[in-house]
């Protein structure tokens, strides 16, 4: 059986110092990236909502805060807002006529993650994100005789893919495809459940490191 030759004491010492330096450098890199926070503000152009066909396309503002766990994984906290409206049926009562109009506002709040590798020399990095959300729905029907309002909250999620430009600097530009969905809900002025949001859109956001 061949016996392995032990390293000389001086080489063992140098190897130990080198390993310690690598461990400290790795820990410092993780610590530096884990302290990074970014704030972003942008908007998404999304398709309409079936029950309210008055707005075939709407612009949804979105704000988000991200916290880096390491160089590729980020926690993401975001909020969004969407306003929709439509003119409904014409009602006749007494000697007059009136049109029912409907307004709906969707507020979304979510916490999820984003995966984003380093950009390298190109300055462009792909990203994928998934954010479970809670939607607060404020629904208002303006009828011929009275107005009816309802407020509900429903679960949902948002996911998207895209590209981040200028990843190595303090200011970034995100551009991608976004999809959001929420569960069905019921309002007092309607007999049946209303469908939730199910919308694709193009999103753009400007981010800055804090």
Protein backbone atom coordinates (compact mmCIF):
# COMPACT_ATOMS: atom_id res chain seq x y z
CA UNK A 1 0.00 0.00 0.00
CA UNK A 2 1.42 3.37 -1.08
CA UNK A 3 1.87 5.90 1.65
CA UNK A 4 1.01 9.53 0.85
CA UNK A 5 3.70 12.07 1.53
CA UNK A 6 2.68 14.84 3.94
CA UNK A 7 3.10 18.44 2.91
CA UNK A 8 5.97 20.37 4.42
CA UNK A 9 4.97 22.62 7.33
CA UNK A 10 5.54 25.80 5.30
CA UNK A 11 3.24 24.61 2.48
CA UNK A 12 0.57 23.51 4.95
CA UNK A 13 0.64 26.95 6.52
CA UNK A 14 0.38 28.71 3.15
CA UNK A 15 -2.48 26.42 2.04
CA UNK A 16 -4.36 27.13 5.25
CA UNK A 17 -3.93 30.88 4.84
CA UNK A 18 -5.09 30.67 1.22
CA UNK A 19 -8.22 28.71 2.18
CA UNK A 20 -9.00 31.20 4.94
CA UNK A 21 -8.61 34.11 2.53
CA UNK A 22 -10.98 32.47 0.03
CA UNK A 23 -13.59 31.85 2.73
CA UNK A 24 -13.37 35.45 3.97
CA UNK A 25 -13.64 36.81 0.42
CA UNK A 26 -16.69 34.63 -0.28
CA UNK A 27 -18.36 35.74 2.96
CA UNK A 28 -17.59 39.39 2.20
CA UNK A 29 -19.13 39.08 -1.28
CA UNK A 30 -22.32 37.55 0.12
CA UNK A 31 -22.53 40.14 2.88
CA UNK A 32 -22.08 43.04 0.45
CA UNK A 33 -24.70 41.77 -1.95
CA UNK A 34 -27.12 40.88 0.85
CA UNK A 35 -27.11 44.51 2.00
CA UNK A 36 -28.25 45.81 -1.37
CA UNK A 37 -31.76 47.22 -1.70
CA UNK A 38 -33.33 48.65 -4.83
CA UNK A 39 -36.47 50.69 -5.41
CA UNK A 40 -38.30 50.62 -8.74
CA UNK A 41 -41.25 52.44 -10.24
CA UNK A 42 -42.88 51.66 -13.55
CA UNK A 43 -46.04 50.69 -15.38
CA UNK A 44 -47.54 47.85 -17.36
CA UNK A 45 -49.83 48.10 -20.38
CA UNK A 46 -52.31 45.26 -19.89
CA UNK A 47 -55.39 43.93 -21.66
CA UNK A 48 -58.91 44.70 -20.54
CA UNK A 49 -61.14 42.96 -18.02
CA UNK A 50 -64.10 40.99 -19.42
CA UNK A 51 -67.02 42.30 -17.30
CA UNK A 52 -65.84 45.88 -17.87
CA UNK A 53 -65.21 46.02 -21.59
CA UNK A 54 -65.14 49.81 -21.63
CA UNK A 55 -61.36 49.76 -21.18
CA UNK A 56 -59.80 47.37 -23.74
CA UNK A 57 -56.33 48.42 -22.59
CA UNK A 58 -55.29 49.97 -19.31
CA UNK A 59 -52.07 51.23 -17.75
CA UNK A 60 -51.21 49.78 -14.36
CA UNK A 61 -48.61 51.59 -12.21
CA UNK A 62 -46.35 49.31 -10.18
CA UNK A 63 -43.82 50.11 -7.43
CA UNK A 64 -41.47 47.57 -5.88
CA UNK A 65 -38.65 47.18 -3.37
CA UNK A 66 -36.10 44.39 -3.75
CA UNK A 67 -33.56 42.96 -1.31
CA UNK A 68 -30.58 40.92 -2.51
CA UNK A 69 -30.01 37.60 -0.74
CA UNK A 70 -26.99 36.84 -2.93
CA UNK A 71 -25.78 37.68 -6.41
CA UNK A 72 -28.68 35.94 -8.19
CA UNK A 73 -31.64 35.74 -5.76
CA UNK A 74 -33.74 38.70 -4.63
CA UNK A 75 -36.75 39.08 -2.37
CA UNK A 76 -39.35 41.28 -4.07
CA UNK A 77 -42.13 43.35 -2.45
CA UNK A 78 -44.49 45.16 -4.80
CA UNK A 79 -47.76 47.05 -5.05
CA UNK A 80 -49.96 47.91 -8.02
CA UNK A 81 -53.14 49.74 -8.91
CA UNK A 82 -55.66 49.33 -11.72
CA UNK A 83 -58.79 51.35 -12.48
CA UNK A 84 -61.50 50.01 -14.82
CA UNK A 85 -64.86 51.31 -15.92
CA UNK A 86 -67.74 50.56 -18.30
CA UNK A 87 -71.18 51.83 -19.22
CA UNK A 88 -73.86 49.18 -18.74
CA UNK A 89 -77.47 48.64 -19.76
CA UNK A 90 -80.13 51.32 -20.14
CA UNK A 91 -82.87 51.10 -17.51
CA UNK A 92 -86.37 52.53 -17.79
CA UNK A 93 -88.21 53.58 -14.68
CA UNK A 94 -91.19 55.87 -14.39
CA UNK A 95 -90.98 58.40 -17.19
CA UNK A 96 -87.21 58.44 -17.39
CA UNK A 97 -84.27 56.41 -18.53
CA UNK A 98 -80.86 55.90 -16.94
CA UNK A 99 -77.67 54.04 -17.72
CA UNK A 100 -75.85 51.90 -15.19
CA UNK A 101 -72.16 52.63 -15.02
CA UNK A 102 -69.60 50.52 -13.20
CA UNK A 103 -66.26 51.43 -11.70
CA UNK A 104 -63.76 48.97 -10.29
CA UNK A 105 -60.42 49.55 -8.61
CA UNK A 106 -57.93 46.76 -7.95
CA UNK A 107 -55.14 47.30 -5.41
CA UNK A 108 -52.51 44.56 -5.30
CA UNK A 109 -49.87 43.86 -2.66
CA UNK A 110 -47.39 41.02 -2.89
CA UNK A 111 -44.15 39.47 -1.67
CA UNK A 112 -42.15 37.00 -3.73
CA UNK A 113 -38.78 36.55 -5.39
CA UNK A 114 -36.76 37.38 -8.48
CA UNK A 115 -33.97 35.27 -9.99
CA UNK A 116 -31.45 37.33 -11.91
CA UNK A 117 -27.89 36.27 -12.82
CA UNK A 118 -25.05 38.73 -13.22
CA UNK A 119 -24.93 40.88 -16.33
CA UNK A 120 -21.27 40.49 -17.17
CA UNK A 121 -19.60 42.73 -19.74
CA UNK A 122 -22.78 43.15 -21.80
CA UNK A 123 -24.64 45.03 -19.05
CA UNK A 124 -27.81 43.02 -19.80
CA UNK A 125 -29.22 40.31 -17.54
CA UNK A 126 -32.37 38.18 -17.86
CA UNK A 127 -34.75 37.85 -14.91
CA UNK A 128 -37.67 35.69 -13.82
CA UNK A 129 -39.99 36.66 -10.98
CA UNK A 130 -42.94 35.19 -9.11
CA UNK A 131 -44.94 37.19 -6.56
CA UNK A 132 -48.01 35.85 -4.69
CA UNK A 133 -50.40 38.74 -4.18
CA UNK A 134 -53.50 39.89 -2.34
CA UNK A 135 -55.95 42.00 -4.37
CA UNK A 136 -58.31 44.47 -2.71
CA UNK A 137 -61.28 45.06 -5.03
CA UNK A 138 -63.45 48.16 -4.72
CA UNK A 139 -66.52 47.69 -6.93
CA UNK A 140 -69.12 50.42 -7.52
CA UNK A 141 -72.33 50.12 -9.54
CA UNK A 142 -74.14 53.39 -10.27
CA UNK A 143 -77.71 52.30 -10.91
CA UNK A 144 -80.84 54.27 -11.89
CA UNK A 145 -82.10 54.55 -8.32
CA UNK A 146 -79.15 53.93 -6.04
CA UNK A 147 -75.42 53.30 -5.96
CA UNK A 148 -74.08 50.03 -4.63
CA UNK A 149 -70.53 49.53 -3.41
CA UNK A 150 -68.62 46.44 -2.38
CA UNK A 151 -65.10 45.83 -1.19
CA UNK A 152 -63.47 42.40 -1.24
CA UNK A 153 -60.02 40.90 -1.08
CA UNK A 154 -58.96 37.90 -3.14
CA UNK A 155 -55.69 35.98 -3.54
CA UNK A 156 -53.68 36.03 -6.76
CA UNK A 157 -50.19 36.10 -8.18
CA UNK A 158 -47.97 37.98 -10.60
CA UNK A 159 -45.18 36.49 -12.71
CA UNK A 160 -42.94 37.85 -15.40
CA UNK A 161 -39.80 37.48 -17.48
CA UNK A 162 -37.64 40.15 -19.01
CA UNK A 163 -34.29 41.86 -19.30
CA UNK A 164 -32.50 44.27 -17.00
CA UNK A 165 -30.25 46.84 -18.69
CA UNK A 166 -27.35 48.50 -16.90
CA UNK A 167 -27.14 45.83 -14.21
CA UNK A 168 -23.70 46.86 -12.96
CA UNK A 169 -24.59 50.49 -12.28
CA UNK A 170 -26.83 52.11 -9.64
CA UNK A 171 -29.64 52.77 -12.15
CA UNK A 172 -31.34 49.95 -14.06
CA UNK A 173 -34.04 49.68 -16.70
CA UNK A 174 -36.31 46.62 -16.62
CA UNK A 175 -38.34 45.60 -19.64
CA UNK A 176 -40.41 42.45 -19.90
CA UNK A 177 -43.67 40.55 -20.14
CA UNK A 178 -45.96 40.43 -17.10
CA UNK A 179 -48.94 38.24 -16.24
CA UNK A 180 -51.25 38.74 -13.28
CA UNK A 181 -54.18 36.68 -12.10
CA UNK A 182 -56.61 36.84 -9.20
CA UNK A 183 -59.42 34.64 -7.90
CA UNK A 184 -63.13 35.12 -8.55
CA UNK A 185 -65.11 37.32 -6.20
CA UNK A 186 -68.70 38.26 -5.42
CA UNK A 187 -70.23 41.72 -5.07
CA UNK A 188 -73.60 42.64 -3.57
CA UNK A 189 -75.01 44.13 -6.78
CA UNK A 190 -74.40 41.00 -8.89
CA UNK A 191 -75.96 37.55 -8.55
CA UNK A 192 -73.07 35.52 -9.95
CA UNK A 193 -69.44 35.50 -9.05
CA UNK A 194 -67.31 37.80 -11.15
CA UNK A 195 -64.15 36.50 -12.81
CA UNK A 196 -60.83 37.58 -11.43
CA UNK A 197 -58.11 39.38 -13.32
CA UNK A 198 -56.25 37.42 -15.98
CA UNK A 199 -54.05 39.83 -17.89
CA UNK A 200 -50.87 39.80 -19.94
CA UNK A 201 -48.98 43.02 -20.40
CA UNK A 202 -45.76 44.76 -21.36
CA UNK A 203 -43.98 46.26 -18.38
CA UNK A 204 -41.18 48.79 -18.02
CA UNK A 205 -39.63 50.05 -14.79
CA UNK A 206 -36.75 52.23 -13.68
CA UNK A 207 -34.82 50.98 -10.66
CA UNK A 208 -32.18 52.54 -8.43
CA UNK A 209 -30.00 51.02 -5.74
CA UNK A 210 -30.65 52.47 -2.27
